[in-house]
Amino acid sequence: MATNHIQPGEVIDFTAGANLAAGVGVKIGVRIGVTLVAVANGATGTAAVTGVWRLPKLGTDVVGQGALLYWDDANSRLTTTASGNTLAGFAFEAAGNGVTSVAIKLNA
């Protein structure tokens, strides 16, 4: 039997660079996770790196279902703008102008 399995890979431990509430997006290297619990600045927390989550988005972006979404770390939200942002996943649903959140399938 294999003895080198570590875990299923659905969550990752990370060190918070700021105080974070539970359920918010967090940039971990070149990936995006969603915090599972509140984490204090400098503390170790856990973040989901798979699944579908509702996260804030730039309200003026028009997002089609299946569109690529990027994490704007400076504003802690998703956007359709790739330049200067981190690929986060794809839109699980459409979200029009004026809508401030969207369901995203995280990019694993």
PDB file of N, CA and C in Angstrom:
ATOM      1  N   MET A   1       0.843  -1.181   0.000  1.00  0.00           N
ATOM      2  CA  MET A   1       0.000   0.000   0.000  1.00  0.00           C
ATOM      3  C   MET A   1       0.890   1.247   0.000  1.00  0.00           C
ATOM      4  N   ALA A   2       0.474   2.261  -0.739  1.00  0.00           N
ATOM      5  CA  ALA A   2       1.243   3.506  -0.814  1.00  0.00           C
ATOM      6  C   ALA A   2       1.295   4.172   0.552  1.00  0.00           C
ATOM      7  N   THR A   3       2.444   4.710   0.888  1.00  0.00           N
ATOM      8  CA  THR A   3       2.619   5.376   2.183  1.00  0.00           C
ATOM      9  C   THR A   3       2.988   6.845   2.021  1.00  0.00           C
ATOM     10  N   ASN A   4       2.935   7.353   0.790  1.00  0.00           N
ATOM     11  CA  ASN A   4       3.356   8.739   0.550  1.00  0.00           C
ATOM     12  C   ASN A   4       2.196   9.711   0.351  1.00  0.00           C
ATOM     13  N   HIS A   5       0.963   9.291   0.614  1.00  0.00           N
ATOM     14  CA  HIS A   5      -0.193  10.184   0.502  1.00  0.00           C
ATOM     15  C   HIS A   5      -0.187  11.155   1.673  1.00  0.00           C
ATOM     16  N   ILE A   6      -0.362  12.445   1.394  1.00  0.00           N
ATOM     17  CA  ILE A   6      -0.341  13.464   2.443  1.00  0.00           C
ATOM     18  C   ILE A   6      -1.753  13.856   2.859  1.00  0.00           C
ATOM     19  N   GLN A   7      -2.593  14.256   1.893  1.00  0.00           N
ATOM     20  CA  GLN A   7      -3.979  14.646   2.165  1.00  0.00           C
ATOM     21  C   GLN A   7      -4.706  14.790   0.830  1.00  0.00           C
ATOM     22  N   PRO A   8      -6.034  14.908   0.823  1.00  0.00           N
ATOM     23  CA  PRO A   8      -6.765  15.033  -0.443  1.00  0.00           C
ATOM     24  C   PRO A   8      -6.464  16.314  -1.220  1.00  0.00           C
ATOM     25  N   GLY A   9      -5.939  17.341  -0.574  1.00  0.00           N
ATOM     26  CA  GLY A   9      -5.576  18.570  -1.282  1.00  0.00           C
ATOM     27  C   GLY A   9      -6.697  19.583  -1.401  1.00  0.00           C
ATOM     28  N   GLU A  10      -7.728  19.448  -0.588  1.00  0.00           N
ATOM     29  CA  GLU A  10      -8.848  20.388  -0.639  1.00  0.00           C
ATOM     30  C   GLU A  10      -8.622  21.623   0.219  1.00  0.00           C
ATOM     31  N   VAL A  11      -7.712  21.537   1.182  1.00  0.00           N
ATOM     32  CA  VAL A  11      -7.369  22.672   2.035  1.00  0.00           C
ATOM     33  C   VAL A  11      -5.858  22.802   2.126  1.00  0.00           C
ATOM     34  N   ILE A  12      -5.416  24.027   2.441  1.00  0.00           N
ATOM     35  CA  ILE A  12      -3.987  24.285   2.581  1.00  0.00           C
ATOM     36  C   ILE A  12      -3.784  25.189   3.793  1.00  0.00           C
ATOM     37  N   ASP A  13      -2.715  24.938   4.518  1.00  0.00           N
ATOM     38  CA  ASP A  13      -2.336  25.835   5.607  1.00  0.00           C
ATOM     39  C   ASP A  13      -1.555  26.996   5.014  1.00  0.00           C
ATOM     40  N   PHE A  14      -1.745  28.191   5.578  1.00  0.00           N
ATOM     41  CA  PHE A  14      -1.032  29.375   5.105  1.00  0.00           C
ATOM     42  C   PHE A  14      -0.820  30.321   6.276  1.00  0.00           C
ATOM     43  N   THR A  15       0.110  31.242   6.121  1.00  0.00           N
ATOM     44  CA  THR A  15       0.344  32.276   7.121  1.00  0.00           C
ATOM     45  C   THR A  15      -0.312  33.557   6.640  1.00  0.00           C
ATOM     46  N   ALA A  16      -1.201  34.101   7.465  1.00  0.00           N
ATOM     47  CA  ALA A  16      -1.953  35.304   7.089  1.00  0.00           C
ATOM     48  C   ALA A  16      -1.047  36.527   7.104  1.00  0.00           C
ATOM     49  N   GLY A  17      -1.179  37.352   6.064  1.00  0.00           N
ATOM     50  CA  GLY A  17      -0.448  38.602   5.977  1.00  0.00           C
ATOM     51  C   GLY A  17      -1.239  39.786   6.493  1.00  0.00           C
ATOM     52  N   ALA A  18      -2.450  39.522   6.981  1.00  0.00           N
ATOM     53  CA  ALA A  18      -3.354  40.543   7.541  1.00  0.00           C
ATOM     54  C   ALA A  18      -4.416  39.797   8.330  1.00  0.00           C
ATOM     55  N   ASN A  19      -5.191  40.509   9.129  1.00  0.00           N
ATOM     56  CA  ASN A  19      -6.327  39.892   9.803  1.00  0.00           C
ATOM     57  C   ASN A  19      -7.371  39.531   8.749  1.00  0.00           C
ATOM     58  N   LEU A  20      -7.832  38.296   8.754  1.00  0.00           N
ATOM     59  CA  LEU A  20      -8.784  37.824   7.754  1.00  0.00           C
ATOM     60  C   LEU A  20     -10.003  37.216   8.428  1.00  0.00           C
ATOM     61  N   ALA A  21     -11.171  37.542   7.939  1.00  0.00           N
ATOM     62  CA  ALA A  21     -12.413  36.926   8.410  1.00  0.00           C
ATOM     63  C   ALA A  21     -12.571  35.559   7.759  1.00  0.00           C
ATOM     64  N   ALA A  22     -13.446  34.746   8.293  1.00  0.00           N
ATOM     65  CA  ALA A  22     -13.777  33.466   7.668  1.00  0.00           C
ATOM     66  C   ALA A  22     -14.546  33.723   6.375  1.00  0.00           C
ATOM     67  N   GLY A  23     -14.271  32.922   5.356  1.00  0.00           N
ATOM     68  CA  GLY A  23     -15.024  32.997   4.111  1.00  0.00           C
ATOM     69  C   GLY A  23     -14.570  34.051   3.129  1.00  0.00           C
ATOM     70  N   VAL A  24     -13.354  34.571   3.299  1.00  0.00           N
ATOM     71  CA  VAL A  24     -12.853  35.585   2.367  1.00  0.00           C
ATOM     72  C   VAL A  24     -11.754  34.992   1.487  1.00  0.00           C
ATOM     73  N   GLY A  25     -11.575  35.591   0.332  1.00  0.00           N
ATOM     74  CA  GLY A  25     -10.523  35.166  -0.576  1.00  0.00           C
ATOM     75  C   GLY A  25      -9.164  35.562  -0.033  1.00  0.00           C
ATOM     76  N   VAL A  26      -8.180  34.708  -0.297  1.00  0.00           N
ATOM     77  CA  VAL A  26      -6.812  34.986   0.131  1.00  0.00           C
ATOM     78  C   VAL A  26      -5.853  34.473  -0.944  1.00  0.00           C
ATOM     79  N   LYS A  27      -4.883  35.295  -1.279  1.00  0.00           N
ATOM     80  CA  LYS A  27      -3.868  34.910  -2.260  1.00  0.00           C
ATOM     81  C   LYS A  27      -2.785  34.116  -1.535  1.00  0.00           C
ATOM     82  N   ILE A  28      -2.507  32.931  -2.038  1.00  0.00           N
ATOM     83  CA  ILE A  28      -1.470  32.061  -1.484  1.00  0.00           C
ATOM     84  C   ILE A  28      -0.524  31.737  -2.634  1.00  0.00           C
ATOM     85  N   GLY A  29       0.591  32.437  -2.708  1.00  0.00           N
ATOM     86  CA  GLY A  29       1.493  32.287  -3.846  1.00  0.00           C
ATOM     87  C   GLY A  29       0.806  32.765  -5.100  1.00  0.00           C
ATOM     88  N   VAL A  30       0.641  31.874  -6.077  1.00  0.00           N
ATOM     89  CA  VAL A  30      -0.049  32.226  -7.321  1.00  0.00           C
ATOM     90  C   VAL A  30      -1.416  31.543  -7.400  1.00  0.00           C
ATOM     91  N   ARG A  31      -1.948  31.181  -6.249  1.00  0.00           N
ATOM     92  CA  ARG A  31      -3.259  30.547  -6.165  1.00  0.00           C
ATOM     93  C   ARG A  31      -4.152  31.348  -5.226  1.00  0.00           C
ATOM     94  N   ILE A  32      -5.447  31.066  -5.302  1.00  0.00           N
ATOM     95  CA  ILE A  32      -6.434  31.707  -4.450  1.00  0.00           C
ATOM     96  C   ILE A  32      -7.117  30.637  -3.614  1.00  0.00           C
ATOM     97  N   GLY A  33      -7.329  30.948  -2.346  1.00  0.00           N
ATOM     98  CA  GLY A  33      -8.083  30.079  -1.458  1.00  0.00           C
ATOM     99  C   GLY A  33      -9.169  30.884  -0.779  1.00  0.00           C
ATOM    100  N   VAL A  34     -10.007  30.205  -0.023  1.00  0.00           N
ATOM    101  CA  VAL A  34     -11.053  30.849   0.765  1.00  0.00           C
ATOM    102  C   VAL A  34     -10.846  30.422   2.208  1.00  0.00           C
ATOM    103  N   THR A  35     -10.692  31.404   3.104  1.00  0.00           N
ATOM    104  CA  THR A  35     -10.433  31.097   4.506  1.00  0.00           C
ATOM    105  C   THR A  35     -11.598  30.322   5.116  1.00  0.00           C
ATOM    106  N   LEU A  36     -11.267  29.313   5.895  1.00  0.00           N
ATOM    107  CA  LEU A  36     -12.299  28.493   6.522  1.00  0.00           C
ATOM    108  C   LEU A  36     -12.672  29.008   7.911  1.00  0.00           C
ATOM    109  N   VAL A  37     -11.753  29.730   8.541  1.00  0.00           N
ATOM    110  CA  VAL A  37     -11.983  30.358   9.846  1.00  0.00           C
ATOM    111  C   VAL A  37     -11.291  31.712   9.828  1.00  0.00           C
ATOM    112  N   ALA A  38     -11.630  32.569  10.783  1.00  0.00           N
ATOM    113  CA  ALA A  38     -10.920  33.845  10.914  1.00  0.00           C
ATOM    114  C   ALA A  38      -9.464  33.564  11.286  1.00  0.00           C
ATOM    115  N   VAL A  39      -8.557  34.382  10.744  1.00  0.00           N
ATOM    116  CA  VAL A  39      -7.129  34.190  10.986  1.00  0.00           C
ATOM    117  C   VAL A  39      -6.507  35.541  11.314  1.00  0.00           C
ATOM    118  N   ALA A  40      -5.752  35.597  12.390  1.00  0.00           N
ATOM    119  CA  ALA A  40      -5.065  36.827  12.777  1.00  0.00           C
ATOM    120  C   ALA A  40      -3.807  37.012  11.944  1.00  0.00           C
ATOM    121  N   ASN A  41      -3.417  38.243  11.737  1.00  0.00           N
ATOM    122  CA  ASN A  41      -2.192  38.579  11.016  1.00  0.00           C
ATOM    123  C   ASN A  41      -1.016  37.814  11.623  1.00  0.00           C
ATOM    124  N   GLY A  42      -0.280  37.098  10.778  1.00  0.00           N
ATOM    125  CA  GLY A  42       0.887  36.342  11.218  1.00  0.00           C
ATOM    126  C   GLY A  42       0.585  34.944  11.710  1.00  0.00           C
ATOM    127  N   ALA A  43      -0.681  34.611  11.904  1.00  0.00           N
ATOM    128  CA  ALA A  43      -1.067  33.283  12.387  1.00  0.00           C
ATOM    129  C   ALA A  43      -1.235  32.316  11.214  1.00  0.00           C
ATOM    130  N   THR A  44      -1.194  31.037  11.518  1.00  0.00           N
ATOM    131  CA  THR A  44      -1.441  30.011  10.517  1.00  0.00           C
ATOM    132  C   THR A  44      -2.933  29.733  10.458  1.00  0.00           C
ATOM    133  N   GLY A  45      -3.469  29.710   9.243  1.00  0.00           N
ATOM    134  CA  GLY A  45      -4.879  29.412   9.030  1.00  0.00           C
ATOM    135  C   GLY A  45      -5.035  28.361   7.962  1.00  0.00           C
ATOM    136  N   THR A  46      -6.281  27.983   7.694  1.00  0.00           N
ATOM    137  CA  THR A  46      -6.571  27.029   6.630  1.00  0.00           C
ATOM    138  C   THR A  46      -7.485  27.679   5.609  1.00  0.00           C
ATOM    139  N   ALA A  47      -7.257  27.313   4.364  1.00  0.00           N
ATOM    140  CA  ALA A  47      -8.068  27.839   3.274  1.00  0.00           C
ATOM    141  C   ALA A  47      -8.431  26.699   2.335  1.00  0.00           C
ATOM    142  N   ALA A  48      -9.669  26.732   1.861  1.00  0.00           N
ATOM    143  CA  ALA A  48     -10.104  25.793   0.830  1.00  0.00           C
ATOM    144  C   ALA A  48      -9.507  26.228  -0.495  1.00  0.00           C
ATOM    145  N   VAL A  49      -9.037  25.281  -1.286  1.00  0.00           N
ATOM    146  CA  VAL A  49      -8.469  25.592  -2.598  1.00  0.00           C
ATOM    147  C   VAL A  49      -9.223  24.876  -3.719  1.00  0.00           C
ATOM    148  N   THR A  50     -10.358  24.280  -3.370  1.00  0.00           N
ATOM    149  CA  THR A  50     -11.234  23.656  -4.358  1.00  0.00           C
ATOM    150  C   THR A  50     -12.671  24.043  -4.030  1.00  0.00           C
ATOM    151  N   GLY A  51     -13.555  23.746  -4.936  1.00  0.00           N
ATOM    152  CA  GLY A  51     -14.972  23.973  -4.689  1.00  0.00           C
ATOM    153  C   GLY A  51     -15.493  25.241  -5.332  1.00  0.00           C
ATOM    154  N   VAL A  52     -16.781  25.479  -5.093  1.00  0.00           N
ATOM    155  CA  VAL A  52     -17.467  26.659  -5.620  1.00  0.00           C
ATOM    156  C   VAL A  52     -17.805  27.552  -4.432  1.00  0.00           C
ATOM    157  N   TRP A  53     -17.433  28.821  -4.536  1.00  0.00           N
ATOM    158  CA  TRP A  53     -17.597  29.794  -3.452  1.00  0.00           C
ATOM    159  C   TRP A  53     -18.179  31.080  -3.998  1.00  0.00           C
ATOM    160  N   ARG A  54     -18.917  31.805  -3.186  1.00  0.00           N
ATOM    161  CA  ARG A  54     -19.401  33.137  -3.555  1.00  0.00           C
ATOM    162  C   ARG A  54     -18.435  34.143  -2.959  1.00  0.00           C
ATOM    163  N   LEU A  55     -17.841  34.974  -3.841  1.00  0.00           N
ATOM    164  CA  LEU A  55     -16.876  35.984  -3.420  1.00  0.00           C
ATOM    165  C   LEU A  55     -17.230  37.328  -4.043  1.00  0.00           C
ATOM    166  N   PRO A  56     -16.744  38.413  -3.448  1.00  0.00           N
ATOM    167  CA  PRO A  56     -17.019  39.735  -4.023  1.00  0.00           C
ATOM    168  C   PRO A  56     -16.379  39.893  -5.394  1.00  0.00           C
ATOM    169  N   LYS A  57     -17.026  40.702  -6.236  1.00  0.00           N
ATOM    170  CA  LYS A  57     -16.468  41.014  -7.552  1.00  0.00           C
ATOM    171  C   LYS A  57     -16.593  42.509  -7.803  1.00  0.00           C
ATOM    172  N   LEU A  58     -15.836  42.989  -8.762  1.00  0.00           N
ATOM    173  CA  LEU A  58     -15.955  44.375  -9.196  1.00  0.00           C
ATOM    174  C   LEU A  58     -17.358  44.568  -9.759  1.00  0.00           C
ATOM    175  N   GLY A  59     -18.106  45.481  -9.173  1.00  0.00           N
ATOM    176  CA  GLY A  59     -19.513  45.657  -9.521  1.00  0.00           C
ATOM    177  C   GLY A  59     -19.778  46.016 -10.967  1.00  0.00           C
ATOM    178  N   THR A  60     -18.824  46.640 -11.636  1.00  0.00           N
ATOM    179  CA  THR A  60     -19.038  47.046 -13.025  1.00  0.00           C
ATOM    180  C   THR A  60     -18.663  45.962 -14.028  1.00  0.00           C
ATOM    181  N   ASP A  61     -18.022  44.889 -13.579  1.00  0.00           N
ATOM    182  CA  ASP A  61     -17.690  43.792 -14.494  1.00  0.00           C
ATOM    183  C   ASP A  61     -18.953  43.017 -14.869  1.00  0.00           C
ATOM    184  N   VAL A  62     -19.079  42.691 -16.139  1.00  0.00           N
ATOM    185  CA  VAL A  62     -20.133  41.812 -16.623  1.00  0.00           C
ATOM    186  C   VAL A  62     -19.489  40.446 -16.839  1.00  0.00           C
ATOM    187  N   VAL A  63     -19.925  39.469 -16.058  1.00  0.00           N
ATOM    188  CA  VAL A  63     -19.293  38.153 -16.043  1.00  0.00           C
ATOM    189  C   VAL A  63     -20.234  37.134 -16.662  1.00  0.00           C
ATOM    190  N   GLY A  64     -19.780  36.477 -17.716  1.00  0.00           N
ATOM    191  CA  GLY A  64     -20.549  35.394 -18.311  1.00  0.00           C
ATOM    192  C   GLY A  64     -20.216  34.079 -17.630  1.00  0.00           C
ATOM    193  N   GLN A  65     -21.185  33.177 -17.566  1.00  0.00           N
ATOM    194  CA  GLN A  65     -20.927  31.858 -16.989  1.00  0.00           C
ATOM    195  C   GLN A  65     -19.754  31.216 -17.725  1.00  0.00           C
ATOM    196  N   GLY A  66     -18.793  30.710 -16.985  1.00  0.00           N
ATOM    197  CA  GLY A  66     -17.620  30.069 -17.562  1.00  0.00           C
ATOM    198  C   GLY A  66     -16.457  31.011 -17.824  1.00  0.00           C
ATOM    199  N   ALA A  67     -16.662  32.315 -17.647  1.00  0.00           N
ATOM    200  CA  ALA A  67     -15.588  33.288 -17.879  1.00  0.00           C
ATOM    201  C   ALA A  67     -14.483  33.125 -16.839  1.00  0.00           C
ATOM    202  N   LEU A  68     -13.251  33.368 -17.246  1.00  0.00           N
ATOM    203  CA  LEU A  68     -12.141  33.345 -16.302  1.00  0.00           C
ATOM    204  C   LEU A  68     -12.244  34.535 -15.364  1.00  0.00           C
ATOM    205  N   LEU A  69     -11.942  34.293 -14.092  1.00  0.00           N
ATOM    206  CA  LEU A  69     -11.971  35.345 -13.085  1.00  0.00           C
ATOM    207  C   LEU A  69     -10.601  35.445 -12.430  1.00  0.00           C
ATOM    208  N   TYR A  70     -10.227  36.651 -12.055  1.00  0.00           N
ATOM    209  CA  TYR A  70      -8.917  36.940 -11.490  1.00  0.00           C
ATOM    210  C   TYR A  70      -9.086  37.613 -10.140  1.00  0.00           C
ATOM    211  N   TRP A  71      -8.145  37.362  -9.222  1.00  0.00           N
ATOM    212  CA  TRP A  71      -8.193  37.955  -7.895  1.00  0.00           C
ATOM    213  C   TRP A  71      -7.425  39.262  -7.899  1.00  0.00           C
ATOM    214  N   ASP A  72      -8.117  40.338  -7.583  1.00  0.00           N
ATOM    215  CA  ASP A  72      -7.530  41.665  -7.416  1.00  0.00           C
ATOM    216  C   ASP A  72      -7.174  41.774  -5.933  1.00  0.00           C
ATOM    217  N   ASP A  73      -5.919  41.462  -5.597  1.00  0.00           N
ATOM    218  CA  ASP A  73      -5.503  41.390  -4.202  1.00  0.00           C
ATOM    219  C   ASP A  73      -5.557  42.749  -3.515  1.00  0.00           C
ATOM    220  N   ALA A  74      -5.299  43.813  -4.247  1.00  0.00           N
ATOM    221  CA  ALA A  74      -5.314  45.158  -3.655  1.00  0.00           C
ATOM    222  C   ALA A  74      -6.707  45.547  -3.175  1.00  0.00           C
ATOM    223  N   ASN A  75      -7.752  45.037  -3.854  1.00  0.00           N
ATOM    224  CA  ASN A  75      -9.128  45.382  -3.501  1.00  0.00           C
ATOM    225  C   ASN A  75      -9.931  44.208  -2.945  1.00  0.00           C
ATOM    226  N   SER A  76      -9.272  43.060  -2.775  1.00  0.00           N
ATOM    227  CA  SER A  76      -9.902  41.855  -2.214  1.00  0.00           C
ATOM    228  C   SER A  76     -11.206  41.497  -2.914  1.00  0.00           C
ATOM    229  N   ARG A  77     -11.138  41.368  -4.249  1.00  0.00           N
ATOM    230  CA  ARG A  77     -12.331  41.015  -5.021  1.00  0.00           C
ATOM    231  C   ARG A  77     -11.931  40.372  -6.340  1.00  0.00           C
ATOM    232  N   LEU A  78     -12.902  39.744  -6.964  1.00  0.00           N
ATOM    233  CA  LEU A  78     -12.703  39.137  -8.282  1.00  0.00           C
ATOM    234  C   LEU A  78     -12.949  40.168  -9.367  1.00  0.00           C
ATOM    235  N   THR A  79     -12.313  39.939 -10.499  1.00  0.00           N
ATOM    236  CA  THR A  79     -12.487  40.797 -11.661  1.00  0.00           C
ATOM    237  C   THR A  79     -12.261  39.969 -12.917  1.00  0.00           C
ATOM    238  N   THR A  80     -12.691  40.493 -14.051  1.00  0.00           N
ATOM    239  CA  THR A  80     -12.413  39.852 -15.339  1.00  0.00           C
ATOM    240  C   THR A  80     -11.099  40.355 -15.924  1.00  0.00           C
ATOM    241  N   THR A  81     -10.454  41.294 -15.261  1.00  0.00           N
ATOM    242  CA  THR A  81      -9.196  41.877 -15.738  1.00  0.00           C
ATOM    243  C   THR A  81      -8.015  41.004 -15.338  1.00  0.00           C
ATOM    244  N   ALA A  82      -7.307  40.477 -16.319  1.00  0.00           N
ATOM    245  CA  ALA A  82      -6.168  39.604 -16.053  1.00  0.00           C
ATOM    246  C   ALA A  82      -4.929  40.385 -15.639  1.00  0.00           C
ATOM    247  N   SER A  83      -4.676  41.510 -16.277  1.00  0.00           N
ATOM    248  CA  SER A  83      -3.442  42.271 -16.065  1.00  0.00           C
ATOM    249  C   SER A  83      -3.264  42.678 -14.605  1.00  0.00           C
ATOM    250  N   GLY A  84      -2.155  42.254 -14.015  1.00  0.00           N
ATOM    251  CA  GLY A  84      -1.821  42.610 -12.648  1.00  0.00           C
ATOM    252  C   GLY A  84      -2.559  41.815 -11.586  1.00  0.00           C
ATOM    253  N   ASN A  85      -3.380  40.844 -11.987  1.00  0.00           N
ATOM    254  CA  ASN A  85      -4.169  40.059 -11.048  1.00  0.00           C
ATOM    255  C   ASN A  85      -3.828  38.574 -11.173  1.00  0.00           C
ATOM    256  N   THR A  86      -4.330  37.761 -10.251  1.00  0.00           N
ATOM    257  CA  THR A  86      -4.012  36.333 -10.175  1.00  0.00           C
ATOM    258  C   THR A  86      -5.206  35.505 -10.622  1.00  0.00           C
ATOM    259  N   LEU A  87      -4.993  34.583 -11.562  1.00  0.00           N
ATOM    260  CA  LEU A  87      -6.070  33.701 -12.011  1.00  0.00           C
ATOM    261  C   LEU A  87      -6.654  32.969 -10.810  1.00  0.00           C
ATOM    262  N   ALA A  88      -7.969  33.069 -10.640  1.00  0.00           N
ATOM    263  CA  ALA A  88      -8.631  32.473  -9.481  1.00  0.00           C
ATOM    264  C   ALA A  88      -9.494  31.278  -9.857  1.00  0.00           C
ATOM    265  N   GLY A  89     -10.043  31.261 -11.068  1.00  0.00           N
ATOM    266  CA  GLY A  89     -10.921  30.183 -11.482  1.00  0.00           C
ATOM    267  C   GLY A  89     -11.878  30.663 -12.554  1.00  0.00           C
ATOM    268  N   PHE A  90     -13.059  30.045 -12.620  1.00  0.00           N
ATOM    269  CA  PHE A  90     -14.038  30.460 -13.619  1.00  0.00           C
ATOM    270  C   PHE A  90     -15.393  30.688 -12.973  1.00  0.00           C
ATOM    271  N   ALA A  91     -16.179  31.543 -13.618  1.00  0.00           N
ATOM    272  CA  ALA A  91     -17.501  31.891 -13.107  1.00  0.00           C
ATOM    273  C   ALA A  91     -18.423  30.686 -13.203  1.00  0.00           C
ATOM    274  N   PHE A  92     -18.982  30.302 -12.088  1.00  0.00           N
ATOM    275  CA  PHE A  92     -19.911  29.181 -12.026  1.00  0.00           C
ATOM    276  C   PHE A  92     -21.296  29.612 -12.474  1.00  0.00           C
ATOM    277  N   GLU A  93     -21.505  30.932 -12.471  1.00  0.00           N
ATOM    278  CA  GLU A  93     -22.764  31.531 -12.900  1.00  0.00           C
ATOM    279  C   GLU A  93     -22.459  32.892 -13.500  1.00  0.00           C
ATOM    280  N   ALA A  94     -23.404  33.442 -14.212  1.00  0.00           N
ATOM    281  CA  ALA A  94     -23.256  34.801 -14.746  1.00  0.00           C
ATOM    282  C   ALA A  94     -23.540  35.815 -13.646  1.00  0.00           C
ATOM    283  N   ALA A  95     -22.933  37.000 -13.774  1.00  0.00           N
ATOM    284  CA  ALA A  95     -23.173  38.100 -12.821  1.00  0.00           C
ATOM    285  C   ALA A  95     -22.989  39.409 -13.577  1.00  0.00           C
ATOM    286  N   GLY A  96     -24.053  40.184 -13.685  1.00  0.00           N
ATOM    287  CA  GLY A  96     -24.043  41.392 -14.492  1.00  0.00           C
ATOM    288  C   GLY A  96     -23.527  42.629 -13.786  1.00  0.00           C
ATOM    289  N   ASN A  97     -23.587  43.727 -14.511  1.00  0.00           N
ATOM    290  CA  ASN A  97     -23.220  45.044 -14.003  1.00  0.00           C
ATOM    291  C   ASN A  97     -24.096  45.368 -12.801  1.00  0.00           C
ATOM    292  N   GLY A  98     -23.488  45.859 -11.733  1.00  0.00           N
ATOM    293  CA  GLY A  98     -24.221  46.186 -10.519  1.00  0.00           C
ATOM    294  C   GLY A  98     -24.272  45.065  -9.503  1.00  0.00           C
ATOM    295  N   VAL A  99     -23.937  43.856  -9.917  1.00  0.00           N
ATOM    296  CA  VAL A  99     -23.888  42.710  -9.003  1.00  0.00           C
ATOM    297  C   VAL A  99     -22.500  42.692  -8.364  1.00  0.00           C
ATOM    298  N   THR A 100     -22.433  42.570  -7.055  1.00  0.00           N
ATOM    299  CA  THR A 100     -21.156  42.717  -6.360  1.00  0.00           C
ATOM    300  C   THR A 100     -20.561  41.413  -5.846  1.00  0.00           C
ATOM    301  N   SER A 101     -21.131  40.270  -6.252  1.00  0.00           N
ATOM    302  CA  SER A 101     -20.528  38.982  -5.910  1.00  0.00           C
ATOM    303  C   SER A 101     -20.827  38.001  -7.030  1.00  0.00           C
ATOM    304  N   VAL A 102     -20.055  36.915  -7.040  1.00  0.00           N
ATOM    305  CA  VAL A 102     -20.236  35.900  -8.068  1.00  0.00           C
ATOM    306  C   VAL A 102     -19.784  34.558  -7.507  1.00  0.00           C
ATOM    307  N   ALA A 103     -20.414  33.474  -7.962  1.00  0.00           N
ATOM    308  CA  ALA A 103     -19.988  32.123  -7.604  1.00  0.00           C
ATOM    309  C   ALA A 103     -18.820  31.758  -8.515  1.00  0.00           C
ATOM    310  N   ILE A 104     -17.735  31.307  -7.903  1.00  0.00           N
ATOM    311  CA  ILE A 104     -16.530  30.943  -8.648  1.00  0.00           C
ATOM    312  C   ILE A 104     -16.131  29.518  -8.332  1.00  0.00           C
ATOM    313  N   LYS A 105     -15.736  28.781  -9.355  1.00  0.00           N
ATOM    314  CA  LYS A 105     -15.105  27.461  -9.178  1.00  0.00           C
ATOM    315  C   LYS A 105     -13.625  27.761  -9.082  1.00  0.00           C
ATOM    316  N   LEU A 106     -13.051  27.498  -7.915  1.00  0.00           N
ATOM    317  CA  LEU A 106     -11.633  27.827  -7.710  1.00  0.00           C
ATOM    318  C   LEU A 106     -10.742  27.039  -8.650  1.00  0.00           C
ATOM    319  N   ASN A 107      -9.702  27.695  -9.102  1.00  0.00           N
ATOM    320  CA  ASN A 107      -8.703  27.121  -9.987  1.00  0.00           C
ATOM    321  C   ASN A 107      -7.763  26.246  -9.171  1.00  0.00           C
ATOM    322  N   ALA A 108      -7.931  24.964  -9.259  1.00  0.00           N
ATOM    323  CA  ALA A 108      -7.083  24.053  -8.474  1.00  0.00           C
ATOM    324  C   ALA A 108      -5.821  23.698  -9.232  1.00  0.00           C
TER     325      ALA A 108
END
